[in-house]
Every structure is written in C-alpha cells, then in structure tokens.
Amino acid sequence: MARQATEIKVYWDNQDRSNEGWAYRLSDADGDIDSGSLDSDRDDIDGAIDEAVSIAGVEVNADAFAREPNVDGGFAIWTAE
C-alpha cells in the first residue's frame, strides 16, 4: 500500500548556488516519503505548490498552505488535519 503524504513542504533550495530552485519534501507520520526539485520560476510559489501537490497526489489547493516568502528564499507548508 502506498504511503499518503500528510505534510508537504515547498521551499527555495539554495544549497547549491549553481542550481538554485524550488524543491519539495513529502512526509507522513513515519517520516519522509519523497523529495526533489520543481520546475517553477523563482517568483511563482503558487506554481511550485501546485506542482508539489500534483506529485503528492493529494487534493489540496495552494491557499491551504501557510507561507513565509521572506525567510531563506521562501517556503510554504501544508499539514493534513
């Protein structure tokens, strides 16, 4: 049975300055499920969120994410209730 993400994090990954971009991390109560890079433009956090949600296969819209656009390049997080 496939694990269902109960938390989605979208963040600006700048660990490698030559390859900065949006990234995601999916997790559940047992830990990380998946992570990777996203193709959205720097100023398109909504696009990055939509892409991560599609990868996760959950039905949630970008408005359900808490956001912090000014810390570490920006990030957003959603947690299932």
PDB file of N, CA and C in Angstrom:
ATOM      1  N   MET A   1       0.836  -1.175   0.000  1.00  0.00           N
ATOM      2  CA  MET A   1       0.000   0.000   0.000  1.00  0.00           C
ATOM      3  C   MET A   1       0.889   1.249   0.000  1.00  0.00           C
ATOM      4  N   ALA A   2       0.578   2.179  -0.881  1.00  0.00           N
ATOM      5  CA  ALA A   2       1.359   3.412  -0.992  1.00  0.00           C
ATOM      6  C   ALA A   2       1.102   4.334   0.192  1.00  0.00           C
ATOM      7  N   ARG A   3       2.139   4.989   0.623  1.00  0.00           N
ATOM      8  CA  ARG A   3       2.018   5.950   1.720  1.00  0.00           C
ATOM      9  C   ARG A   3       1.422   7.249   1.190  1.00  0.00           C
ATOM     10  N   GLN A   4       0.554   7.858   1.988  1.00  0.00           N
ATOM     11  CA  GLN A   4      -0.104   9.110   1.625  1.00  0.00           C
ATOM     12  C   GLN A   4       0.554  10.266   2.383  1.00  0.00           C
ATOM     13  N   ALA A   5       0.953  11.297   1.668  1.00  0.00           N
ATOM     14  CA  ALA A   5       1.583  12.455   2.302  1.00  0.00           C
ATOM     15  C   ALA A   5       0.589  13.173   3.207  1.00  0.00           C
ATOM     16  N   THR A   6       1.018  13.461   4.416  1.00  0.00           N
ATOM     17  CA  THR A   6       0.223  14.260   5.348  1.00  0.00           C
ATOM     18  C   THR A   6       0.887  15.608   5.608  1.00  0.00           C
ATOM     19  N   GLU A   7       2.060  15.792   5.012  1.00  0.00           N
ATOM     20  CA  GLU A   7       2.737  17.081   5.082  1.00  0.00           C
ATOM     21  C   GLU A   7       3.483  17.309   3.771  1.00  0.00           C
ATOM     22  N   ILE A   8       3.323  18.515   3.236  1.00  0.00           N
ATOM     23  CA  ILE A   8       4.021  18.911   2.013  1.00  0.00           C
ATOM     24  C   ILE A   8       4.764  20.200   2.324  1.00  0.00           C
ATOM     25  N   LYS A   9       6.055  20.202   2.072  1.00  0.00           N
ATOM     26  CA  LYS A   9       6.870  21.407   2.223  1.00  0.00           C
ATOM     27  C   LYS A   9       7.401  21.797   0.846  1.00  0.00           C
ATOM     28  N   VAL A  10       7.268  23.059   0.515  1.00  0.00           N
ATOM     29  CA  VAL A  10       7.814  23.616  -0.710  1.00  0.00           C
ATOM     30  C   VAL A  10       8.765  24.722  -0.268  1.00  0.00           C
ATOM     31  N   TYR A  11       9.976  24.716  -0.776  1.00  0.00           N
ATOM     32  CA  TYR A  11      10.959  25.691  -0.315  1.00  0.00           C
ATOM     33  C   TYR A  11      11.956  26.035  -1.424  1.00  0.00           C
ATOM     34  N   TRP A  12      12.556  27.219  -1.289  1.00  0.00           N
ATOM     35  CA  TRP A  12      13.592  27.641  -2.217  1.00  0.00           C
ATOM     36  C   TRP A  12      14.899  27.006  -1.770  1.00  0.00           C
ATOM     37  N   ASP A  13      15.413  26.097  -2.574  1.00  0.00           N
ATOM     38  CA  ASP A  13      16.634  25.363  -2.246  1.00  0.00           C
ATOM     39  C   ASP A  13      17.835  26.106  -2.831  1.00  0.00           C
ATOM     40  N   ASN A  14      18.683  26.635  -1.950  1.00  0.00           N
ATOM     41  CA  ASN A  14      19.859  27.364  -2.412  1.00  0.00           C
ATOM     42  C   ASN A  14      21.151  26.758  -1.859  1.00  0.00           C
ATOM     43  N   GLN A  15      21.115  25.472  -1.545  1.00  0.00           N
ATOM     44  CA  GLN A  15      22.322  24.806  -1.048  1.00  0.00           C
ATOM     45  C   GLN A  15      23.419  24.762  -2.099  1.00  0.00           C
ATOM     46  N   ASP A  16      23.043  24.636  -3.355  1.00  0.00           N
ATOM     47  CA  ASP A  16      23.987  24.634  -4.468  1.00  0.00           C
ATOM     48  C   ASP A  16      23.712  25.897  -5.281  1.00  0.00           C
ATOM     49  N   ARG A  17      24.539  26.912  -5.108  1.00  0.00           N
ATOM     50  CA  ARG A  17      24.307  28.226  -5.747  1.00  0.00           C
ATOM     51  C   ARG A  17      24.236  28.136  -7.267  1.00  0.00           C
ATOM     52  N   SER A  18      24.818  27.115  -7.867  1.00  0.00           N
ATOM     53  CA  SER A  18      24.761  26.975  -9.324  1.00  0.00           C
ATOM     54  C   SER A  18      23.495  26.259  -9.776  1.00  0.00           C
ATOM     55  N   ASN A  19      22.686  25.795  -8.826  1.00  0.00           N
ATOM     56  CA  ASN A  19      21.482  25.036  -9.167  1.00  0.00           C
ATOM     57  C   ASN A  19      20.347  25.376  -8.197  1.00  0.00           C
ATOM     58  N   GLU A  20      20.112  26.668  -7.958  1.00  0.00           N
ATOM     59  CA  GLU A  20      19.038  27.087  -7.057  1.00  0.00           C
ATOM     60  C   GLU A  20      17.685  26.877  -7.709  1.00  0.00           C
ATOM     61  N   GLY A  21      16.669  26.603  -6.882  1.00  0.00           N
ATOM     62  CA  GLY A  21      15.317  26.465  -7.406  1.00  0.00           C
ATOM     63  C   GLY A  21      14.367  25.933  -6.351  1.00  0.00           C
ATOM     64  N   TRP A  22      13.106  25.873  -6.726  1.00  0.00           N
ATOM     65  CA  TRP A  22      12.089  25.337  -5.823  1.00  0.00           C
ATOM     66  C   TRP A  22      12.276  23.836  -5.656  1.00  0.00           C
ATOM     67  N   ALA A  23      11.996  23.360  -4.453  1.00  0.00           N
ATOM     68  CA  ALA A  23      12.085  21.933  -4.140  1.00  0.00           C
ATOM     69  C   ALA A  23      10.910  21.570  -3.236  1.00  0.00           C
ATOM     70  N   TYR A  24      10.677  20.279  -3.066  1.00  0.00           N
ATOM     71  CA  TYR A  24       9.584  19.807  -2.218  1.00  0.00           C
ATOM     72  C   TYR A  24      10.054  18.655  -1.350  1.00  0.00           C
ATOM     73  N   ARG A  25       9.321  18.428  -0.273  1.00  0.00           N
ATOM     74  CA  ARG A  25       9.524  17.260   0.589  1.00  0.00           C
ATOM     75  C   ARG A  25       8.146  16.793   1.034  1.00  0.00           C
ATOM     76  N   LEU A  26       7.856  15.519   0.815  1.00  0.00           N
ATOM     77  CA  LEU A  26       6.600  14.898   1.236  1.00  0.00           C
ATOM     78  C   LEU A  26       6.883  13.988   2.416  1.00  0.00           C
ATOM     79  N   SER A  27       6.023  14.012   3.423  1.00  0.00           N
ATOM     80  CA  SER A  27       6.215  13.127   4.569  1.00  0.00           C
ATOM     81  C   SER A  27       4.879  12.707   5.160  1.00  0.00           C
ATOM     82  N   ASP A  28       4.948  11.694   6.008  1.00  0.00           N
ATOM     83  CA  ASP A  28       3.794  11.232   6.771  1.00  0.00           C
ATOM     84  C   ASP A  28       4.274  10.942   8.188  1.00  0.00           C
ATOM     85  N   ALA A  29       3.452  10.299   8.989  1.00  0.00           N
ATOM     86  CA  ALA A  29       3.811  10.033  10.382  1.00  0.00           C
ATOM     87  C   ALA A  29       5.066   9.159  10.512  1.00  0.00           C
ATOM     88  N   ASP A  30       5.395   8.388   9.475  1.00  0.00           N
ATOM     89  CA  ASP A  30       6.567   7.520   9.514  1.00  0.00           C
ATOM     90  C   ASP A  30       7.829   8.180   8.966  1.00  0.00           C
ATOM     91  N   GLY A  31       7.727   9.419   8.505  1.00  0.00           N
ATOM     92  CA  GLY A  31       8.900  10.133   8.006  1.00  0.00           C
ATOM     93  C   GLY A  31       8.773  10.534   6.552  1.00  0.00           C
ATOM     94  N   ASP A  32       9.919  10.801   5.934  1.00  0.00           N
ATOM     95  CA  ASP A  32       9.952  11.268   4.554  1.00  0.00           C
ATOM     96  C   ASP A  32       9.473  10.192   3.590  1.00  0.00           C
ATOM     97  N   ILE A  33       8.724  10.655   2.588  1.00  0.00           N
ATOM     98  CA  ILE A  33       8.237   9.779   1.523  1.00  0.00           C
ATOM     99  C   ILE A  33       9.002  10.052   0.232  1.00  0.00           C
ATOM    100  N   ASP A  34       9.152  11.338  -0.094  1.00  0.00           N
ATOM    101  CA  ASP A  34       9.749  11.711  -1.370  1.00  0.00           C
ATOM    102  C   ASP A  34      10.235  13.158  -1.268  1.00  0.00           C
ATOM    103  N   SER A  35      11.188  13.504  -2.121  1.00  0.00           N
ATOM    104  CA  SER A  35      11.647  14.888  -2.225  1.00  0.00           C
ATOM    105  C   SER A  35      12.295  15.062  -3.584  1.00  0.00           C
ATOM    106  N   GLY A  36      12.417  16.321  -3.988  1.00  0.00           N
ATOM    107  CA  GLY A  36      13.049  16.579  -5.269  1.00  0.00           C
ATOM    108  C   GLY A  36      12.915  18.025  -5.677  1.00  0.00           C
ATOM    109  N   SER A  37      13.358  18.314  -6.890  1.00  0.00           N
ATOM    110  CA  SER A  37      13.299  19.677  -7.400  1.00  0.00           C
ATOM    111  C   SER A  37      11.999  19.901  -8.162  1.00  0.00           C
ATOM    112  N   LEU A  38      11.637  21.176  -8.292  1.00  0.00           N
ATOM    113  CA  LEU A  38      10.444  21.593  -9.021  1.00  0.00           C
ATOM    114  C   LEU A  38      10.858  22.546 -10.133  1.00  0.00           C
ATOM    115  N   ASP A  39      10.038  22.658 -11.177  1.00  0.00           N
ATOM    116  CA  ASP A  39      10.401  23.444 -12.356  1.00  0.00           C
ATOM    117  C   ASP A  39       9.873  24.875 -12.358  1.00  0.00           C
ATOM    118  N   SER A  40       9.162  25.298 -11.333  1.00  0.00           N
ATOM    119  CA  SER A  40       8.531  26.620 -11.333  1.00  0.00           C
ATOM    120  C   SER A  40       9.558  27.746 -11.265  1.00  0.00           C
ATOM    121  N   ASP A  41       9.174  28.899 -11.809  1.00  0.00           N
ATOM    122  CA  ASP A  41      10.018  30.084 -11.793  1.00  0.00           C
ATOM    123  C   ASP A  41      10.186  30.621 -10.386  1.00  0.00           C
ATOM    124  N   ARG A  42      11.226  31.396 -10.169  1.00  0.00           N
ATOM    125  CA  ARG A  42      11.587  31.962  -8.860  1.00  0.00           C
ATOM    126  C   ARG A  42      10.424  32.697  -8.197  1.00  0.00           C
ATOM    127  N   ASP A  43       9.677  33.476  -8.962  1.00  0.00           N
ATOM    128  CA  ASP A  43       8.597  34.286  -8.400  1.00  0.00           C
ATOM    129  C   ASP A  43       7.250  33.578  -8.381  1.00  0.00           C
ATOM    130  N   ASP A  44       7.226  32.283  -8.644  1.00  0.00           N
ATOM    131  CA  ASP A  44       5.959  31.556  -8.774  1.00  0.00           C
ATOM    132  C   ASP A  44       5.818  30.480  -7.697  1.00  0.00           C
ATOM    133  N   ILE A  45       5.653  30.915  -6.452  1.00  0.00           N
ATOM    134  CA  ILE A  45       5.491  29.941  -5.369  1.00  0.00           C
ATOM    135  C   ILE A  45       4.189  29.160  -5.544  1.00  0.00           C
ATOM    136  N   ASP A  46       3.142  29.797  -6.092  1.00  0.00           N
ATOM    137  CA  ASP A  46       1.895  29.068  -6.320  1.00  0.00           C
ATOM    138  C   ASP A  46       2.097  27.936  -7.321  1.00  0.00           C
ATOM    139  N   GLY A  47       2.865  28.195  -8.366  1.00  0.00           N
ATOM    140  CA  GLY A  47       3.168  27.148  -9.336  1.00  0.00           C
ATOM    141  C   GLY A  47       3.961  26.015  -8.719  1.00  0.00           C
ATOM    142  N   ALA A  48       4.912  26.369  -7.846  1.00  0.00           N
ATOM    143  CA  ALA A  48       5.707  25.348  -7.157  1.00  0.00           C
ATOM    144  C   ALA A  48       4.822  24.506  -6.248  1.00  0.00           C
ATOM    145  N   ILE A  49       3.909  25.163  -5.534  1.00  0.00           N
ATOM    146  CA  ILE A  49       2.972  24.431  -4.670  1.00  0.00           C
ATOM    147  C   ILE A  49       2.102  23.507  -5.500  1.00  0.00           C
ATOM    148  N   ASP A  50       1.534  24.015  -6.590  1.00  0.00           N
ATOM    149  CA  ASP A  50       0.674  23.184  -7.449  1.00  0.00           C
ATOM    150  C   ASP A  50       1.424  21.968  -7.972  1.00  0.00           C
ATOM    151  N   GLU A  51       2.666  22.167  -8.353  1.00  0.00           N
ATOM    152  CA  GLU A  51       3.479  21.053  -8.859  1.00  0.00           C
ATOM    153  C   GLU A  51       3.722  20.010  -7.767  1.00  0.00           C
ATOM    154  N   ALA A  52       4.038  20.455  -6.556  1.00  0.00           N
ATOM    155  CA  ALA A  52       4.276  19.523  -5.438  1.00  0.00           C
ATOM    156  C   ALA A  52       3.001  18.770  -5.074  1.00  0.00           C
ATOM    157  N   VAL A  53       1.868  19.452  -5.080  1.00  0.00           N
ATOM    158  CA  VAL A  53       0.584  18.808  -4.777  1.00  0.00           C
ATOM    159  C   VAL A  53       0.281  17.731  -5.820  1.00  0.00           C
ATOM    160  N   SER A  54       0.561  18.033  -7.074  1.00  0.00           N
ATOM    161  CA  SER A  54       0.343  17.051  -8.141  1.00  0.00           C
ATOM    162  C   SER A  54       1.225  15.822  -7.938  1.00  0.00           C
ATOM    163  N   ILE A  55       2.463  16.026  -7.573  1.00  0.00           N
ATOM    164  CA  ILE A  55       3.380  14.912  -7.304  1.00  0.00           C
ATOM    165  C   ILE A  55       2.871  14.089  -6.120  1.00  0.00           C
ATOM    166  N   ALA A  56       2.381  14.779  -5.087  1.00  0.00           N
ATOM    167  CA  ALA A  56       1.898  14.096  -3.882  1.00  0.00           C
ATOM    168  C   ALA A  56       0.606  13.332  -4.127  1.00  0.00           C
ATOM    169  N   GLY A  57      -0.187  13.775  -5.100  1.00  0.00           N
ATOM    170  CA  GLY A  57      -1.450  13.102  -5.390  1.00  0.00           C
ATOM    171  C   GLY A  57      -2.520  13.347  -4.337  1.00  0.00           C
ATOM    172  N   VAL A  58      -2.473  14.511  -3.688  1.00  0.00           N
ATOM    173  CA  VAL A  58      -3.499  14.872  -2.709  1.00  0.00           C
ATOM    174  C   VAL A  58      -4.345  16.002  -3.276  1.00  0.00           C
ATOM    175  N   GLU A  59      -5.554  16.108  -2.776  1.00  0.00           N
ATOM    176  CA  GLU A  59      -6.443  17.169  -3.229  1.00  0.00           C
ATOM    177  C   GLU A  59      -6.419  18.306  -2.230  1.00  0.00           C
ATOM    178  N   VAL A  60      -5.594  19.302  -2.518  1.00  0.00           N
ATOM    179  CA  VAL A  60      -5.471  20.495  -1.688  1.00  0.00           C
ATOM    180  C   VAL A  60      -5.047  21.629  -2.620  1.00  0.00           C
ATOM    181  N   ASN A  61      -5.536  22.839  -2.363  1.00  0.00           N
ATOM    182  CA  ASN A  61      -5.133  23.947  -3.228  1.00  0.00           C
ATOM    183  C   ASN A  61      -4.081  24.816  -2.545  1.00  0.00           C
ATOM    184  N   ALA A  62      -3.474  25.675  -3.310  1.00  0.00           N
ATOM    185  CA  ALA A  62      -2.356  26.498  -2.823  1.00  0.00           C
ATOM    186  C   ALA A  62      -2.764  27.384  -1.646  1.00  0.00           C
ATOM    187  N   ASP A  63      -4.034  27.773  -1.557  1.00  0.00           N
ATOM    188  CA  ASP A  63      -4.491  28.633  -0.461  1.00  0.00           C
ATOM    189  C   ASP A  63      -4.434  27.937   0.896  1.00  0.00           C
ATOM    190  N   ALA A  64      -4.343  26.619   0.924  1.00  0.00           N
ATOM    191  CA  ALA A  64      -4.312  25.873   2.181  1.00  0.00           C
ATOM    192  C   ALA A  64      -2.912  25.842   2.798  1.00  0.00           C
ATOM    193  N   PHE A  65      -1.926  26.363   2.097  1.00  0.00           N
ATOM    194  CA  PHE A  65      -0.545  26.346   2.575  1.00  0.00           C
ATOM    195  C   PHE A  65      -0.232  27.597   3.392  1.00  0.00           C
ATOM    196  N   ALA A  66       0.418  27.403   4.528  1.00  0.00           N
ATOM    197  CA  ALA A  66       0.986  28.523   5.273  1.00  0.00           C
ATOM    198  C   ALA A  66       2.262  28.916   4.543  1.00  0.00           C
ATOM    199  N   ARG A  67       2.520  30.215   4.444  1.00  0.00           N
ATOM    200  CA  ARG A  67       3.658  30.684   3.653  1.00  0.00           C
ATOM    201  C   ARG A  67       4.541  31.639   4.437  1.00  0.00           C
ATOM    202  N   GLU A  68       5.793  31.591   4.100  1.00  0.00           N
ATOM    203  CA  GLU A  68       6.760  32.562   4.601  1.00  0.00           C
ATOM    204  C   GLU A  68       7.654  32.927   3.422  1.00  0.00           C
ATOM    205  N   PRO A  69       7.316  33.975   2.703  1.00  0.00           N
ATOM    206  CA  PRO A  69       8.063  34.308   1.482  1.00  0.00           C
ATOM    207  C   PRO A  69       9.407  34.978   1.718  1.00  0.00           C
ATOM    208  N   ASN A  70       9.686  35.422   2.931  1.00  0.00           N
ATOM    209  CA  ASN A  70      10.876  36.233   3.161  1.00  0.00           C
ATOM    210  C   ASN A  70      11.978  35.545   3.959  1.00  0.00           C
ATOM    211  N   VAL A  71      11.854  34.285   4.263  1.00  0.00           N
ATOM    212  CA  VAL A  71      12.868  33.560   5.027  1.00  0.00           C
ATOM    213  C   VAL A  71      13.511  32.501   4.130  1.00  0.00           C
ATOM    214  N   ASP A  72      14.829  32.520   4.046  1.00  0.00           N
ATOM    215  CA  ASP A  72      15.583  31.520   3.280  1.00  0.00           C
ATOM    216  C   ASP A  72      15.089  31.369   1.852  1.00  0.00           C
ATOM    217  N   GLY A  73      14.691  32.426   1.219  1.00  0.00           N
ATOM    218  CA  GLY A  73      14.229  32.371  -0.169  1.00  0.00           C
ATOM    219  C   GLY A  73      12.765  32.055  -0.316  1.00  0.00           C
ATOM    220  N   GLY A  74      12.108  31.697   0.771  1.00  0.00           N
ATOM    221  CA  GLY A  74      10.676  31.434   0.752  1.00  0.00           C
ATOM    222  C   GLY A  74      10.368  29.967   0.963  1.00  0.00           C
ATOM    223  N   PHE A  75       9.255  29.718   1.646  1.00  0.00           N
ATOM    224  CA  PHE A  75       8.774  28.354   1.797  1.00  0.00           C
ATOM    225  C   PHE A  75       7.283  28.367   2.102  1.00  0.00           C
ATOM    226  N   ALA A  76       6.672  27.216   1.903  1.00  0.00           N
ATOM    227  CA  ALA A  76       5.252  27.019   2.198  1.00  0.00           C
ATOM    228  C   ALA A  76       5.096  25.612   2.737  1.00  0.00           C
ATOM    229  N   ILE A  77       4.103  25.431   3.602  1.00  0.00           N
ATOM    230  CA  ILE A  77       3.883  24.108   4.211  1.00  0.00           C
ATOM    231  C   ILE A  77       2.396  23.857   4.370  1.00  0.00           C
ATOM    232  N   TRP A  78       2.013  22.608   4.137  1.00  0.00           N
ATOM    233  CA  TRP A  78       0.641  22.147   4.363  1.00  0.00           C
ATOM    234  C   TRP A  78       0.718  20.887   5.195  1.00  0.00           C
ATOM    235  N   THR A  79      -0.146  20.814   6.198  1.00  0.00           N
ATOM    236  CA  THR A  79      -0.249  19.625   7.023  1.00  0.00           C
ATOM    237  C   THR A  79      -1.700  19.195   7.088  1.00  0.00           C
ATOM    238  N   ALA A  80      -1.961  17.912   6.854  1.00  0.00           N
ATOM    239  CA  ALA A  80      -3.325  17.383   6.934  1.00  0.00           C
ATOM    240  C   ALA A  80      -3.806  17.443   8.371  1.00  0.00           C
ATOM    241  N   GLU A  81      -5.085  17.654   8.531  1.00  0.00           N
ATOM    242  CA  GLU A  81      -5.655  17.692   9.894  1.00  0.00           C
ATOM    243  C   GLU A  81      -6.195  16.356  10.281  1.00  0.00           C
TER     244      GLU A  81
END
